[in-house]
Amino acid sequence: MLNCRTMLIETGQVFVIDYTKTDCSVIRRYYRPDGDVWNDMPSTVGFILE
């Protein structure tokens, strides 16, 4: 299987994903690509803002 997806976010940039649950509450998660690779795919690191 050929993987044609590319990383659209640069290393070090932060992106946010809001997950909307079935009860309409929202969970916000922050992620950052640090240039790490796992199984030949770029990976991200999740973190918490304090």
C-alpha atoms as a PDB file:
ATOM      1  CA  MET A   1       0.000   0.000   0.000  1.00  0.00           C
ATOM      2  CA  LEU A   2       1.402   3.376  -1.015  1.00  0.00           C
ATOM      3  CA  ASN A   3       1.086   6.155   1.552  1.00  0.00           C
ATOM      4  CA  CYS A   4       0.747   9.519  -0.202  1.00  0.00           C
ATOM      5  CA  ARG A   5      -0.106  11.609   2.861  1.00  0.00           C
ATOM      6  CA  THR A   6       2.247  14.443   3.662  1.00  0.00           C
ATOM      7  CA  MET A   7       2.776  16.328   6.901  1.00  0.00           C
ATOM      8  CA  LEU A   8       1.114  19.706   6.428  1.00  0.00           C
ATOM      9  CA  ILE A   9       2.304  21.027   9.778  1.00  0.00           C
ATOM     10  CA  GLU A  10       5.923  22.038  10.193  1.00  0.00           C
ATOM     11  CA  THR A  11       8.094  20.614  12.968  1.00  0.00           C
ATOM     12  CA  GLY A  12       7.518  22.601  16.161  1.00  0.00           C
ATOM     13  CA  GLN A  13       4.162  24.098  15.143  1.00  0.00           C
ATOM     14  CA  VAL A  14       1.245  23.469  17.490  1.00  0.00           C
ATOM     15  CA  PHE A  15      -2.158  22.316  16.330  1.00  0.00           C
ATOM     16  CA  VAL A  16      -5.428  21.823  18.197  1.00  0.00           C
ATOM     17  CA  ILE A  17      -8.061  19.122  17.812  1.00  0.00           C
ATOM     18  CA  ASP A  18     -11.476  19.568  19.418  1.00  0.00           C
ATOM     19  CA  TYR A  19     -13.296  16.279  19.981  1.00  0.00           C
ATOM     20  CA  THR A  20     -17.077  16.668  20.322  1.00  0.00           C
ATOM     21  CA  LYS A  21     -18.579  13.887  22.402  1.00  0.00           C
ATOM     22  CA  THR A  22     -22.088  12.494  22.013  1.00  0.00           C
ATOM     23  CA  ASP A  23     -23.266  14.552  25.020  1.00  0.00           C
ATOM     24  CA  CYS A  24     -22.087  17.707  23.107  1.00  0.00           C
ATOM     25  CA  SER A  25     -19.208  18.379  25.503  1.00  0.00           C
ATOM     26  CA  VAL A  26     -15.873  19.189  23.886  1.00  0.00           C
ATOM     27  CA  ILE A  27     -12.398  17.940  24.743  1.00  0.00           C
ATOM     28  CA  ARG A  28      -9.549  20.108  23.431  1.00  0.00           C
ATOM     29  CA  ARG A  29      -6.159  18.450  22.781  1.00  0.00           C
ATOM     30  CA  TYR A  30      -2.904  20.096  21.721  1.00  0.00           C
ATOM     31  CA  TYR A  31      -0.268  18.364  19.583  1.00  0.00           C
ATOM     32  CA  ARG A  32       3.179  19.234  18.223  1.00  0.00           C
ATOM     33  CA  PRO A  33       5.304  17.392  15.642  1.00  0.00           C
ATOM     34  CA  ASP A  34       8.911  17.196  16.853  1.00  0.00           C
ATOM     35  CA  GLY A  35      10.390  15.445  13.823  1.00  0.00           C
ATOM     36  CA  ASP A  36      10.103  11.996  15.426  1.00  0.00           C
ATOM     37  CA  VAL A  37       9.247   9.021  13.214  1.00  0.00           C
ATOM     38  CA  TRP A  38       7.367   5.896  14.312  1.00  0.00           C
ATOM     39  CA  ASN A  39       6.779   2.988  11.887  1.00  0.00           C
ATOM     40  CA  ASP A  40       8.181   5.139   9.056  1.00  0.00           C
ATOM     41  CA  MET A  41       5.498   7.798   9.690  1.00  0.00           C
ATOM     42  CA  PRO A  42       5.879  11.270  11.222  1.00  0.00           C
ATOM     43  CA  SER A  43       4.528  11.306  14.770  1.00  0.00           C
ATOM     44  CA  THR A  44       3.273  13.992  17.126  1.00  0.00           C
ATOM     45  CA  VAL A  45       3.519  14.698  20.842  1.00  0.00           C
ATOM     46  CA  GLY A  46       0.416  15.589  22.824  1.00  0.00           C
ATOM     47  CA  PHE A  47       0.769  18.083  25.657  1.00  0.00           C
ATOM     48  CA  ILE A  48      -1.281  19.932  28.253  1.00  0.00           C
ATOM     49  CA  LEU A  49      -1.308  23.697  28.723  1.00  0.00           C
ATOM     50  CA  GLU A  50      -0.932  24.734  32.334  1.00  0.00           C
END
